[in-house]
Amino acid sequence: MSSVPDFSEVELKLVRDTLKERYAEEKELGLADVELRIYPDDRELTECPALYWEDKDCHFILAKTGKEEYFSQFFYGSREQFGTGRERYDDLHTCLVTLLQVQADHDRDRDMEKEKE
């Protein structure tokens, strides 16, 4: 059993509302458990509750790594995984909005590269 608490109803509502605002539709959120090295020097992995959703060909993970600590990343496959540039956040909304913005910027850059080809 993990020492990291599950997402609260308030946290889940914040995520659902933010995603609905971003995509103009409700996204299906999957609840999952992931194993993460919370700190770079950790030798053991910690089981953490996580939320998962998809948009087009992109997959998102938002994990809770402590009482008020969060980690996020997006990926297109096992070889294309991206973070936000920060290991952890102490504010869920900031973590989520940053994740969505970094991914949107990444998609814009990918589209511009394809146009150049």
C-alpha atoms as a PDB file:
ATOM      1  CA  MET A   1       0.000   0.000   0.000  1.00  0.00           C
ATOM      2  CA  SER A   2       1.249   3.459  -0.913  1.00  0.00           C
ATOM      3  CA  SER A   3       1.945   6.199   1.584  1.00  0.00           C
ATOM      4  CA  VAL A   4       0.768   8.733  -1.014  1.00  0.00           C
ATOM      5  CA  PRO A   5      -2.899   9.671  -0.546  1.00  0.00           C
ATOM      6  CA  ASP A   6      -5.393   9.223  -3.374  1.00  0.00           C
ATOM      7  CA  PHE A   7      -6.759  12.198  -5.277  1.00  0.00           C
ATOM      8  CA  SER A   8      -9.520  13.910  -3.321  1.00  0.00           C
ATOM      9  CA  GLU A   9     -12.909  14.742  -4.834  1.00  0.00           C
ATOM     10  CA  VAL A  10     -11.870  18.418  -4.855  1.00  0.00           C
ATOM     11  CA  GLU A  11      -8.692  17.578  -6.818  1.00  0.00           C
ATOM     12  CA  LEU A  12     -10.625  15.391  -9.277  1.00  0.00           C
ATOM     13  CA  LYS A  13     -13.162  18.166  -9.855  1.00  0.00           C
ATOM     14  CA  LEU A  14     -10.376  20.678 -10.483  1.00  0.00           C
ATOM     15  CA  VAL A  15      -8.806  18.379 -13.083  1.00  0.00           C
ATOM     16  CA  ARG A  16     -12.135  17.623 -14.793  1.00  0.00           C
ATOM     17  CA  ASP A  17     -13.096  21.316 -14.897  1.00  0.00           C
ATOM     18  CA  THR A  18      -9.687  22.373 -16.233  1.00  0.00           C
ATOM     19  CA  LEU A  19      -9.722  19.708 -18.950  1.00  0.00           C
ATOM     20  CA  LYS A  20     -13.264  20.655 -19.969  1.00  0.00           C
ATOM     21  CA  GLU A  21     -12.184  24.285 -20.241  1.00  0.00           C
ATOM     22  CA  ARG A  22      -9.120  23.334 -22.321  1.00  0.00           C
ATOM     23  CA  TYR A  23     -10.819  20.907 -24.727  1.00  0.00           C
ATOM     24  CA  ALA A  24     -14.398  22.288 -24.693  1.00  0.00           C
ATOM     25  CA  GLU A  25     -15.589  18.762 -23.897  1.00  0.00           C
ATOM     26  CA  GLU A  26     -15.325  16.294 -21.069  1.00  0.00           C
ATOM     27  CA  LYS A  27     -12.350  13.968 -21.205  1.00  0.00           C
ATOM     28  CA  GLU A  28     -12.580  10.484 -19.779  1.00  0.00           C
ATOM     29  CA  LEU A  29     -10.193  10.284 -16.844  1.00  0.00           C
ATOM     30  CA  GLY A  30      -8.653   6.948 -16.003  1.00  0.00           C
ATOM     31  CA  LEU A  31      -7.517   6.245 -12.463  1.00  0.00           C
ATOM     32  CA  ALA A  32      -4.252   4.353 -12.256  1.00  0.00           C
ATOM     33  CA  ASP A  33      -1.288   3.607 -10.042  1.00  0.00           C
ATOM     34  CA  VAL A  34       2.218   4.311 -11.290  1.00  0.00           C
ATOM     35  CA  GLU A  35       5.601   3.603  -9.782  1.00  0.00           C
ATOM     36  CA  LEU A  36       7.896   6.612  -9.695  1.00  0.00           C
ATOM     37  CA  ARG A  37      11.225   7.581  -8.257  1.00  0.00           C
ATOM     38  CA  ILE A  38       9.936  10.604  -6.388  1.00  0.00           C
ATOM     39  CA  TYR A  39      13.402  11.989  -5.654  1.00  0.00           C
ATOM     40  CA  PRO A  40      16.372  11.460  -8.004  1.00  0.00           C
ATOM     41  CA  ASP A  41      18.402   9.739  -5.261  1.00  0.00           C
ATOM     42  CA  ASP A  42      15.630   7.269  -4.362  1.00  0.00           C
ATOM     43  CA  ARG A  43      16.647   3.671  -4.908  1.00  0.00           C
ATOM     44  CA  GLU A  44      13.114   2.362  -4.582  1.00  0.00           C
ATOM     45  CA  LEU A  45      10.065   3.196  -6.635  1.00  0.00           C
ATOM     46  CA  THR A  46       7.017   4.603  -4.858  1.00  0.00           C
ATOM     47  CA  GLU A  47       3.505   3.624  -5.889  1.00  0.00           C
ATOM     48  CA  CYS A  48       1.546   6.805  -6.641  1.00  0.00           C
ATOM     49  CA  PRO A  49      -2.067   7.411  -7.659  1.00  0.00           C
ATOM     50  CA  ALA A  50      -2.341   8.874 -11.143  1.00  0.00           C
ATOM     51  CA  LEU A  51      -4.835  10.228 -13.625  1.00  0.00           C
ATOM     52  CA  TYR A  52      -4.635   9.334 -17.305  1.00  0.00           C
ATOM     53  CA  TRP A  53      -6.334  10.842 -20.348  1.00  0.00           C
ATOM     54  CA  GLU A  54      -5.837  11.099 -24.079  1.00  0.00           C
ATOM     55  CA  ASP A  55      -6.283  13.760 -26.713  1.00  0.00           C
ATOM     56  CA  LYS A  56      -5.834  12.720 -30.307  1.00  0.00           C
ATOM     57  CA  ASP A  57      -2.528  10.806 -30.416  1.00  0.00           C
ATOM     58  CA  CYS A  58      -1.210  12.222 -27.130  1.00  0.00           C
ATOM     59  CA  HIS A  59      -1.399  10.518 -23.740  1.00  0.00           C
ATOM     60  CA  PHE A  60      -1.178  12.333 -20.404  1.00  0.00           C
ATOM     61  CA  ILE A  61      -0.240  11.227 -16.893  1.00  0.00           C
ATOM     62  CA  LEU A  62      -0.711  13.350 -13.799  1.00  0.00           C
ATOM     63  CA  ALA A  63       0.512  11.623 -10.638  1.00  0.00           C
ATOM     64  CA  LYS A  64       0.171  12.587  -7.021  1.00  0.00           C
ATOM     65  CA  THR A  65       3.565  12.115  -5.351  1.00  0.00           C
ATOM     66  CA  GLY A  66       2.729  13.447  -1.890  1.00  0.00           C
ATOM     67  CA  LYS A  67      -0.027  15.100   0.106  1.00  0.00           C
ATOM     68  CA  GLU A  68       0.268  18.230  -2.046  1.00  0.00           C
ATOM     69  CA  GLU A  69       2.912  17.229  -4.621  1.00  0.00           C
ATOM     70  CA  TYR A  70       2.321  16.374  -8.264  1.00  0.00           C
ATOM     71  CA  PHE A  71       4.235  15.100 -11.296  1.00  0.00           C
ATOM     72  CA  SER A  72       3.093  15.194 -14.914  1.00  0.00           C
ATOM     73  CA  GLN A  73       4.161  14.154 -18.376  1.00  0.00           C
ATOM     74  CA  PHE A  74       2.764  13.574 -21.845  1.00  0.00           C
ATOM     75  CA  PHE A  75       3.810  11.086 -24.461  1.00  0.00           C
ATOM     76  CA  TYR A  76       3.106   9.872 -27.969  1.00  0.00           C
ATOM     77  CA  GLY A  77       4.723   6.470 -27.530  1.00  0.00           C
ATOM     78  CA  SER A  78       7.510   4.872 -25.551  1.00  0.00           C
ATOM     79  CA  ARG A  79      10.143   6.840 -27.495  1.00  0.00           C
ATOM     80  CA  GLU A  80       8.471  10.231 -27.290  1.00  0.00           C
ATOM     81  CA  GLN A  81       7.995  11.162 -23.633  1.00  0.00           C
ATOM     82  CA  PHE A  82       8.009  14.744 -22.415  1.00  0.00           C
ATOM     83  CA  GLY A  83       7.835  16.552 -19.105  1.00  0.00           C
ATOM     84  CA  THR A  84       7.287  20.166 -18.208  1.00  0.00           C
ATOM     85  CA  GLY A  85      10.828  20.924 -17.093  1.00  0.00           C
ATOM     86  CA  ARG A  86       9.975  20.563 -13.410  1.00  0.00           C
ATOM     87  CA  GLU A  87      10.174  17.373 -11.385  1.00  0.00           C
ATOM     88  CA  ARG A  88       7.337  18.199  -9.007  1.00  0.00           C
ATOM     89  CA  TYR A  89       4.737  20.849  -8.291  1.00  0.00           C
ATOM     90  CA  ASP A  90       3.179  21.834  -4.978  1.00  0.00           C
ATOM     91  CA  ASP A  91       0.042  23.159  -6.681  1.00  0.00           C
ATOM     92  CA  LEU A  92      -2.225  20.881  -8.729  1.00  0.00           C
ATOM     93  CA  HIS A  93      -3.655  23.634 -10.924  1.00  0.00           C
ATOM     94  CA  THR A  94      -0.213  24.974 -11.835  1.00  0.00           C
ATOM     95  CA  CYS A  95       0.984  21.448 -12.616  1.00  0.00           C
ATOM     96  CA  LEU A  96      -1.991  20.733 -14.864  1.00  0.00           C
ATOM     97  CA  VAL A  97      -2.036  24.074 -16.693  1.00  0.00           C
ATOM     98  CA  THR A  98       1.723  23.913 -17.275  1.00  0.00           C
ATOM     99  CA  LEU A  99       1.403  20.374 -18.648  1.00  0.00           C
ATOM    100  CA  LEU A 100      -1.362  21.419 -21.053  1.00  0.00           C
ATOM    101  CA  GLN A 101       0.558  24.513 -22.185  1.00  0.00           C
ATOM    102  CA  VAL A 102       3.834  22.661 -22.771  1.00  0.00           C
ATOM    103  CA  GLN A 103       1.999  19.986 -24.760  1.00  0.00           C
ATOM    104  CA  ALA A 104       0.133  22.602 -26.851  1.00  0.00           C
ATOM    105  CA  ASP A 105       3.423  24.373 -27.572  1.00  0.00           C
ATOM    106  CA  HIS A 106       5.001  21.036 -28.504  1.00  0.00           C
ATOM    107  CA  ASP A 107       2.150  20.240 -30.917  1.00  0.00           C
ATOM    108  CA  ARG A 108       2.442  23.700 -32.496  1.00  0.00           C
ATOM    109  CA  ASP A 109       6.181  23.211 -33.001  1.00  0.00           C
ATOM    110  CA  ARG A 110       5.624  19.726 -34.484  1.00  0.00           C
ATOM    111  CA  ASP A 111       3.056  21.119 -36.910  1.00  0.00           C
ATOM    112  CA  MET A 112       5.408  23.931 -37.970  1.00  0.00           C
ATOM    113  CA  GLU A 113       8.195  21.405 -38.628  1.00  0.00           C
ATOM    114  CA  LYS A 114       5.859  19.284 -40.777  1.00  0.00           C
ATOM    115  CA  GLU A 115       4.901  22.375 -42.805  1.00  0.00           C
ATOM    116  CA  LYS A 116       8.585  23.028 -43.566  1.00  0.00           C
ATOM    117  CA  GLU A 117       9.083  19.555 -45.032  1.00  0.00           C
END
